[in-house]
Every structure is written in structure tokens, then in C-alpha cells.
């Protein structure tokens, strides 16, 4: 008998090149040039938009998420 797949925690996250000049959702002073990689977060639900973040802000967000996950993991041990 097959086991059910585990639920994914990281929903609707991706890294793609920007199609045009845009600004980081976290800091509007950070420009993301056309073709530059950006971190995209799509909110759950139908009809919701994507939010793009520059590489520097994305690294900070990912680092914080990793710390948060490590803390949750430690609580289980």
C-alpha cells in the first residue's frame, strides 16, 4: 500500500527572470532590471497576484525562513 505524499510547506515560490524593469515588493528603492533574477511569491487563492523581490531581500527572507523552520524542528526533538 502506498503512503500519502507529505504536504508541501513552500507553496507557490519560484525564481524567474524579470520580464521588465520592476521594483522589489519589500523595498521600493531596489530596482530589478529586465532579465535579472527575482524571487516570486504567489499568495494562495484564486485571482491573487505575484509579489517580486530582489535577490538581496530574497536571501534575507529565505535565511529568516530557514531559522524559523529550524526552531520549529527543534521543538519537535
PDB file of N, CA and C in Angstrom:
ATOM      1  N   UNK A   1       0.842  -1.180   0.000  1.00  0.00           N
ATOM      2  CA  UNK A   1       0.000   0.000   0.000  1.00  0.00           C
ATOM      3  C   UNK A   1       0.891   1.249   0.000  1.00  0.00           C
ATOM      4  N   UNK A   2       0.577   2.206  -0.846  1.00  0.00           N
ATOM      5  CA  UNK A   2       1.373   3.425  -0.978  1.00  0.00           C
ATOM      6  C   UNK A   2       1.026   4.415   0.127  1.00  0.00           C
ATOM      7  N   UNK A   3       2.053   5.124   0.566  1.00  0.00           N
ATOM      8  CA  UNK A   3       1.842   6.170   1.572  1.00  0.00           C
ATOM      9  C   UNK A   3       1.396   7.458   0.888  1.00  0.00           C
ATOM     10  N   UNK A   4       0.616   8.235   1.596  1.00  0.00           N
ATOM     11  CA  UNK A   4       0.200   9.528   1.067  1.00  0.00           C
ATOM     12  C   UNK A   4       1.394  10.470   1.038  1.00  0.00           C
ATOM     13  N   UNK A   5       1.415  11.337   0.052  1.00  0.00           N
ATOM     14  CA  UNK A   5       2.501  12.308  -0.055  1.00  0.00           C
ATOM     15  C   UNK A   5       2.386  13.341   1.064  1.00  0.00           C
ATOM     16  N   UNK A   6       3.541  13.803   1.549  1.00  0.00           N
ATOM     17  CA  UNK A   6       3.531  14.848   2.571  1.00  0.00           C
ATOM     18  C   UNK A   6       3.119  16.172   1.953  1.00  0.00           C
ATOM     19  N   UNK A   7       2.464  16.987   2.741  1.00  0.00           N
ATOM     20  CA  UNK A   7       2.057  18.309   2.292  1.00  0.00           C
ATOM     21  C   UNK A   7       3.290  19.208   2.177  1.00  0.00           C
ATOM     22  N   UNK A   8       3.342  19.992   1.132  1.00  0.00           N
ATOM     23  CA  UNK A   8       4.465  20.910   0.920  1.00  0.00           C
ATOM     24  C   UNK A   8       4.261  22.183   1.735  1.00  0.00           C
ATOM     25  N   UNK A   9       5.306  22.621   2.391  1.00  0.00           N
ATOM     26  CA  UNK A   9       5.242  23.858   3.170  1.00  0.00           C
ATOM     27  C   UNK A   9       5.495  25.092   2.316  1.00  0.00           C
ATOM     28  N   UNK A  10       6.327  24.937   1.300  1.00  0.00           N
ATOM     29  CA  UNK A  10       6.706  26.078   0.468  1.00  0.00           C
ATOM     30  C   UNK A  10       5.830  26.109  -0.780  1.00  0.00           C
ATOM     31  N   UNK A  11       4.731  26.772  -0.680  1.00  0.00           N
ATOM     32  CA  UNK A  11       3.763  26.825  -1.760  1.00  0.00           C
ATOM     33  C   UNK A  11       3.994  28.045  -2.650  1.00  0.00           C
ATOM     34  N   UNK A  12       3.958  27.821  -3.919  1.00  0.00           N
ATOM     35  CA  UNK A  12       3.972  28.895  -4.911  1.00  0.00           C
ATOM     36  C   UNK A  12       5.132  29.864  -4.772  1.00  0.00           C
ATOM     37  N   UNK A  13       6.328  29.328  -4.652  1.00  0.00           N
ATOM     38  CA  UNK A  13       7.545  30.128  -4.644  1.00  0.00           C
ATOM     39  C   UNK A  13       8.356  29.765  -5.869  1.00  0.00           C
ATOM     40  N   UNK A  14       8.958  30.756  -6.508  1.00  0.00           N
ATOM     41  CA  UNK A  14       9.806  30.468  -7.667  1.00  0.00           C
ATOM     42  C   UNK A  14      10.813  31.588  -7.862  1.00  0.00           C
ATOM     43  N   UNK A  15      11.813  31.302  -8.660  1.00  0.00           N
ATOM     44  CA  UNK A  15      12.805  32.301  -9.044  1.00  0.00           C
ATOM     45  C   UNK A  15      12.817  32.322 -10.569  1.00  0.00           C
ATOM     46  N   UNK A  16      12.541  33.504 -11.111  1.00  0.00           N
ATOM     47  CA  UNK A  16      12.485  33.674 -12.563  1.00  0.00           C
ATOM     48  C   UNK A  16      13.071  35.024 -12.945  1.00  0.00           C
ATOM     49  N   UNK A  17      13.507  35.157 -14.183  1.00  0.00           N
ATOM     50  CA  UNK A  17      13.999  36.464 -14.633  1.00  0.00           C
ATOM     51  C   UNK A  17      12.835  37.451 -14.780  1.00  0.00           C
ATOM     52  N   UNK A  18      13.110  38.693 -14.462  1.00  0.00           N
ATOM     53  CA  UNK A  18      12.105  39.746 -14.612  1.00  0.00           C
ATOM     54  C   UNK A  18      11.852  40.011 -16.089  1.00  0.00           C
ATOM     55  N   UNK A  19      10.597  40.165 -16.462  1.00  0.00           N
ATOM     56  CA  UNK A  19      10.236  40.436 -17.847  1.00  0.00           C
ATOM     57  C   UNK A  19      10.405  41.890 -18.232  1.00  0.00           C
ATOM     58  N   UNK A  20      10.429  42.758 -17.216  1.00  0.00           N
ATOM     59  CA  UNK A  20      10.609  44.188 -17.443  1.00  0.00           C
ATOM     60  C   UNK A  20      11.158  44.797 -16.156  1.00  0.00           C
ATOM     61  N   UNK A  21      11.550  46.037 -16.214  1.00  0.00           N
ATOM     62  CA  UNK A  21      12.035  46.734 -15.040  1.00  0.00           C
ATOM     63  C   UNK A  21      10.933  46.730 -13.982  1.00  0.00           C
ATOM     64  N   UNK A  22      11.273  46.358 -12.766  1.00  0.00           N
ATOM     65  CA  UNK A  22      10.301  46.373 -11.684  1.00  0.00           C
ATOM     66  C   UNK A  22      11.001  46.748 -10.386  1.00  0.00           C
ATOM     67  N   UNK A  23      10.238  46.857  -9.333  1.00  0.00           N
ATOM     68  CA  UNK A  23      10.775  47.213  -8.025  1.00  0.00           C
ATOM     69  C   UNK A  23      10.447  46.117  -7.019  1.00  0.00           C
ATOM     70  N   UNK A  24      11.330  45.970  -6.061  1.00  0.00           N
ATOM     71  CA  UNK A  24      11.175  44.963  -5.010  1.00  0.00           C
ATOM     72  C   UNK A  24       9.958  45.294  -4.149  1.00  0.00           C
ATOM     73  N   UNK A  25       9.176  44.291  -3.828  1.00  0.00           N
ATOM     74  CA  UNK A  25       7.980  44.479  -3.005  1.00  0.00           C
ATOM     75  C   UNK A  25       8.361  44.886  -1.579  1.00  0.00           C
ATOM     76  N   UNK A  26       9.524  44.421  -1.102  1.00  0.00           N
ATOM     77  CA  UNK A  26       9.944  44.739   0.260  1.00  0.00           C
ATOM     78  C   UNK A  26      10.522  46.145   0.360  1.00  0.00           C
ATOM     79  N   UNK A  27      11.294  46.557  -0.641  1.00  0.00           N
ATOM     80  CA  UNK A  27      11.939  47.867  -0.634  1.00  0.00           C
ATOM     81  C   UNK A  27      11.835  48.471  -2.026  1.00  0.00           C
ATOM     82  N   UNK A  28      10.979  49.444  -2.188  1.00  0.00           N
ATOM     83  CA  UNK A  28      10.721  50.051  -3.498  1.00  0.00           C
ATOM     84  C   UNK A  28      11.954  50.728  -4.090  1.00  0.00           C
ATOM     85  N   UNK A  29      12.973  50.999  -3.279  1.00  0.00           N
ATOM     86  CA  UNK A  29      14.209  51.603  -3.784  1.00  0.00           C
ATOM     87  C   UNK A  29      15.057  50.581  -4.540  1.00  0.00           C
ATOM     88  N   UNK A  30      14.796  49.290  -4.331  1.00  0.00           N
ATOM     89  CA  UNK A  30      15.547  48.237  -5.007  1.00  0.00           C
ATOM     90  C   UNK A  30      14.922  47.963  -6.367  1.00  0.00           C
ATOM     91  N   UNK A  31      15.643  48.276  -7.425  1.00  0.00           N
ATOM     92  CA  UNK A  31      15.170  48.009  -8.777  1.00  0.00           C
ATOM     93  C   UNK A  31      15.600  46.611  -9.218  1.00  0.00           C
ATOM     94  N   UNK A  32      14.732  45.973  -9.978  1.00  0.00           N
ATOM     95  CA  UNK A  32      15.025  44.668 -10.568  1.00  0.00           C
ATOM     96  C   UNK A  32      14.997  44.881 -12.076  1.00  0.00           C
ATOM     97  N   UNK A  33      16.167  44.826 -12.695  1.00  0.00           N
ATOM     98  CA  UNK A  33      16.283  45.086 -14.128  1.00  0.00           C
ATOM     99  C   UNK A  33      15.703  43.932 -14.945  1.00  0.00           C
ATOM    100  N   UNK A  34      15.289  44.240 -16.153  1.00  0.00           N
ATOM    101  CA  UNK A  34      14.788  43.217 -17.063  1.00  0.00           C
ATOM    102  C   UNK A  34      15.844  42.119 -17.210  1.00  0.00           C
ATOM    103  N   UNK A  35      15.437  40.873 -17.050  1.00  0.00           N
ATOM    104  CA  UNK A  35      16.336  39.732 -17.176  1.00  0.00           C
ATOM    105  C   UNK A  35      17.011  39.331 -15.877  1.00  0.00           C
ATOM    106  N   UNK A  36      17.007  40.216 -14.883  1.00  0.00           N
ATOM    107  CA  UNK A  36      17.611  39.908 -13.581  1.00  0.00           C
ATOM    108  C   UNK A  36      16.701  38.942 -12.818  1.00  0.00           C
ATOM    109  N   UNK A  37      17.308  38.024 -12.089  1.00  0.00           N
ATOM    110  CA  UNK A  37      16.512  37.061 -11.337  1.00  0.00           C
ATOM    111  C   UNK A  37      15.774  37.741 -10.193  1.00  0.00           C
ATOM    112  N   UNK A  38      14.536  37.312  -9.982  1.00  0.00           N
ATOM    113  CA  UNK A  38      13.756  37.813  -8.851  1.00  0.00           C
ATOM    114  C   UNK A  38      13.028  36.657  -8.203  1.00  0.00           C
ATOM    115  N   UNK A  39      12.745  36.799  -6.932  1.00  0.00           N
ATOM    116  CA  UNK A  39      12.068  35.798  -6.117  1.00  0.00           C
ATOM    117  C   UNK A  39      10.572  36.116  -6.154  1.00  0.00           C
ATOM    118  N   UNK A  40       9.773  35.173  -6.625  1.00  0.00           N
ATOM    119  CA  UNK A  40       8.337  35.403  -6.754  1.00  0.00           C
ATOM    120  C   UNK A  40       7.569  34.608  -5.705  1.00  0.00           C
ATOM    121  N   UNK A  41       6.624  35.294  -5.090  1.00  0.00           N
ATOM    122  CA  UNK A  41       5.745  34.672  -4.100  1.00  0.00           C
ATOM    123  C   UNK A  41       4.321  34.889  -4.580  1.00  0.00           C
ATOM    124  N   UNK A  42       3.589  33.806  -4.779  1.00  0.00           N
ATOM    125  CA  UNK A  42       2.184  33.899  -5.183  1.00  0.00           C
ATOM    126  C   UNK A  42       1.335  33.552  -3.974  1.00  0.00           C
ATOM    127  N   UNK A  43       0.492  34.477  -3.589  1.00  0.00           N
ATOM    128  CA  UNK A  43      -0.391  34.256  -2.448  1.00  0.00           C
ATOM    129  C   UNK A  43      -1.408  33.161  -2.782  1.00  0.00           C
ATOM    130  N   UNK A  44      -1.803  32.368  -1.790  1.00  0.00           N
ATOM    131  CA  UNK A  44      -2.797  31.335  -2.056  1.00  0.00           C
ATOM    132  C   UNK A  44      -4.163  31.935  -2.405  1.00  0.00           C
ATOM    133  N   UNK A  45      -4.913  31.204  -3.164  1.00  0.00           N
ATOM    134  CA  UNK A  45      -6.258  31.634  -3.534  1.00  0.00           C
ATOM    135  C   UNK A  45      -6.349  32.028  -4.995  1.00  0.00           C
ATOM    136  N   UNK A  46      -7.536  31.948  -5.497  1.00  0.00           N
ATOM    137  CA  UNK A  46      -7.780  32.273  -6.903  1.00  0.00           C
ATOM    138  C   UNK A  46      -7.708  33.780  -7.125  1.00  0.00           C
ATOM    139  N   UNK A  47      -7.108  34.172  -8.238  1.00  0.00           N
ATOM    140  CA  UNK A  47      -7.075  35.575  -8.620  1.00  0.00           C
ATOM    141  C   UNK A  47      -6.090  36.429  -7.842  1.00  0.00           C
ATOM    142  N   UNK A  48      -5.176  35.816  -7.107  1.00  0.00           N
ATOM    143  CA  UNK A  48      -4.204  36.611  -6.367  1.00  0.00           C
ATOM    144  C   UNK A  48      -2.966  36.849  -7.230  1.00  0.00           C
ATOM    145  N   UNK A  49      -2.305  37.936  -6.981  1.00  0.00           N
ATOM    146  CA  UNK A  49      -1.141  38.288  -7.782  1.00  0.00           C
ATOM    147  C   UNK A  49       0.152  37.709  -7.242  1.00  0.00           C
ATOM    148  N   UNK A  50       1.218  37.976  -7.979  1.00  0.00           N
ATOM    149  CA  UNK A  50       2.556  37.572  -7.571  1.00  0.00           C
ATOM    150  C   UNK A  50       3.287  38.793  -7.030  1.00  0.00           C
ATOM    151  N   UNK A  51       4.113  38.569  -6.039  1.00  0.00           N
ATOM    152  CA  UNK A  51       4.936  39.619  -5.479  1.00  0.00           C
ATOM    153  C   UNK A  51       6.385  39.282  -5.783  1.00  0.00           C
ATOM    154  N   UNK A  52       7.122  40.234  -6.352  1.00  0.00           N
ATOM    155  CA  UNK A  52       8.515  40.008  -6.722  1.00  0.00           C
ATOM    156  C   UNK A  52       9.467  40.708  -5.773  1.00  0.00           C
ATOM    157  N   UNK A  53      10.543  40.012  -5.437  1.00  0.00           N
ATOM    158  CA  UNK A  53      11.544  40.539  -4.514  1.00  0.00           C
ATOM    159  C   UNK A  53      12.920  40.452  -5.165  1.00  0.00           C
ATOM    160  N   UNK A  54      13.759  41.443  -4.890  1.00  0.00           N
ATOM    161  CA  UNK A  54      15.122  41.428  -5.422  1.00  0.00           C
ATOM    162  C   UNK A  54      15.923  40.319  -4.738  1.00  0.00           C
ATOM    163  N   UNK A  55      17.067  39.985  -5.306  1.00  0.00           N
ATOM    164  CA  UNK A  55      17.885  38.883  -4.785  1.00  0.00           C
ATOM    165  C   UNK A  55      18.346  39.149  -3.358  1.00  0.00           C
ATOM    166  N   UNK A  56      18.734  40.382  -3.036  1.00  0.00           N
ATOM    167  CA  UNK A  56      19.205  40.678  -1.679  1.00  0.00           C
ATOM    168  C   UNK A  56      18.107  40.476  -0.648  1.00  0.00           C
ATOM    169  N   UNK A  57      16.925  41.002  -0.913  1.00  0.00           N
ATOM    170  CA  UNK A  57      15.806  40.834   0.022  1.00  0.00           C
ATOM    171  C   UNK A  57      15.367  39.372   0.078  1.00  0.00           C
ATOM    172  N   UNK A  58      15.404  38.691  -1.062  1.00  0.00           N
ATOM    173  CA  UNK A  58      15.025  37.271  -1.091  1.00  0.00           C
ATOM    174  C   UNK A  58      15.955  36.441  -0.219  1.00  0.00           C
ATOM    175  N   UNK A  59      17.257  36.720  -0.288  1.00  0.00           N
ATOM    176  CA  UNK A  59      18.215  35.982   0.552  1.00  0.00           C
ATOM    177  C   UNK A  59      17.892  36.170   2.028  1.00  0.00           C
ATOM    178  N   UNK A  60      17.579  37.409   2.424  1.00  0.00           N
ATOM    179  CA  UNK A  60      17.226  37.684   3.824  1.00  0.00           C
ATOM    180  C   UNK A  60      15.946  36.942   4.216  1.00  0.00           C
ATOM    181  N   UNK A  61      14.964  36.929   3.321  1.00  0.00           N
ATOM    182  CA  UNK A  61      13.700  36.243   3.599  1.00  0.00           C
ATOM    183  C   UNK A  61      13.921  34.737   3.743  1.00  0.00           C
ATOM    184  N   UNK A  62      14.718  34.170   2.861  1.00  0.00           N
ATOM    185  CA  UNK A  62      14.992  32.734   2.897  1.00  0.00           C
ATOM    186  C   UNK A  62      15.791  32.377   4.147  1.00  0.00           C
ATOM    187  N   UNK A  63      16.778  33.205   4.504  1.00  0.00           N
ATOM    188  CA  UNK A  63      17.554  32.960   5.724  1.00  0.00           C
ATOM    189  C   UNK A  63      16.654  32.966   6.951  1.00  0.00           C
ATOM    190  N   UNK A  64      15.734  33.939   7.021  1.00  0.00           N
ATOM    191  CA  UNK A  64      14.807  34.004   8.156  1.00  0.00           C
ATOM    192  C   UNK A  64      13.889  32.788   8.181  1.00  0.00           C
ATOM    193  N   UNK A  65      13.411  32.375   7.022  1.00  0.00           N
ATOM    194  CA  UNK A  65      12.541  31.196   6.947  1.00  0.00           C
ATOM    195  C   UNK A  65      13.288  29.948   7.411  1.00  0.00           C
ATOM    196  N   UNK A  66      14.566  29.847   7.050  1.00  0.00           N
ATOM    197  CA  UNK A  66      15.358  28.692   7.474  1.00  0.00           C
ATOM    198  C   UNK A  66      15.535  28.690   8.994  1.00  0.00           C
ATOM    199  N   UNK A  67      15.754  29.868   9.589  1.00  0.00           N
ATOM    200  CA  UNK A  67      15.857  29.952  11.055  1.00  0.00           C
ATOM    201  C   UNK A  67      14.531  29.569  11.710  1.00  0.00           C
ATOM    202  N   UNK A  68      13.426  30.059  11.147  1.00  0.00           N
ATOM    203  CA  UNK A  68      12.105  29.735  11.690  1.00  0.00           C
ATOM    204  C   UNK A  68      11.832  28.229  11.615  1.00  0.00           C
ATOM    205  N   UNK A  69      12.163  27.609  10.483  1.00  0.00           N
ATOM    206  CA  UNK A  69      11.959  26.174  10.329  1.00  0.00           C
ATOM    207  C   UNK A  69      12.848  25.372  11.283  1.00  0.00           C
ATOM    208  N   UNK A  70      14.087  25.822  11.465  1.00  0.00           N
ATOM    209  CA  UNK A  70      14.992  25.137  12.391  1.00  0.00           C
ATOM    210  C   UNK A  70      14.451  25.208  13.820  1.00  0.00           C
ATOM    211  N   UNK A  71      13.882  26.347  14.179  1.00  0.00           N
ATOM    212  CA  UNK A  71      13.294  26.497  15.513  1.00  0.00           C
ATOM    213  C   UNK A  71      12.093  25.556  15.685  1.00  0.00           C
ATOM    214  N   UNK A  72      11.249  25.477  14.681  1.00  0.00           N
ATOM    215  CA  UNK A  72      10.103  24.565  14.736  1.00  0.00           C
ATOM    216  C   UNK A  72      10.576  23.115  14.829  1.00  0.00           C
ATOM    217  N   UNK A  73      11.602  22.785  14.036  1.00  0.00           N
ATOM    218  CA  UNK A  73      12.146  21.424  14.052  1.00  0.00           C
ATOM    219  C   UNK A  73      12.702  21.082  15.442  1.00  0.00           C
ATOM    220  N   UNK A  74      13.400  22.029  16.048  1.00  0.00           N
ATOM    221  CA  UNK A  74      13.975  21.817  17.375  1.00  0.00           C
ATOM    222  C   UNK A  74      12.889  21.567  18.422  1.00  0.00           C
ATOM    223  N   UNK A  75      11.739  22.195  18.253  1.00  0.00           N
ATOM    224  CA  UNK A  75      10.638  21.979  19.199  1.00  0.00           C
ATOM    225  C   UNK A  75      10.100  20.555  19.119  1.00  0.00           C
ATOM    226  N   UNK A  76      10.257  19.915  17.968  1.00  0.00           N
ATOM    227  CA  UNK A  76       9.785  18.532  17.805  1.00  0.00           C
ATOM    228  C   UNK A  76      10.765  17.521  18.392  1.00  0.00           C
ATOM    229  N   UNK A  77      12.022  17.888  18.504  1.00  0.00           N
ATOM    230  CA  UNK A  77      13.050  16.964  19.002  1.00  0.00           C
ATOM    231  C   UNK A  77      13.081  16.909  20.527  1.00  0.00           C
TER     232      UNK A  77
END
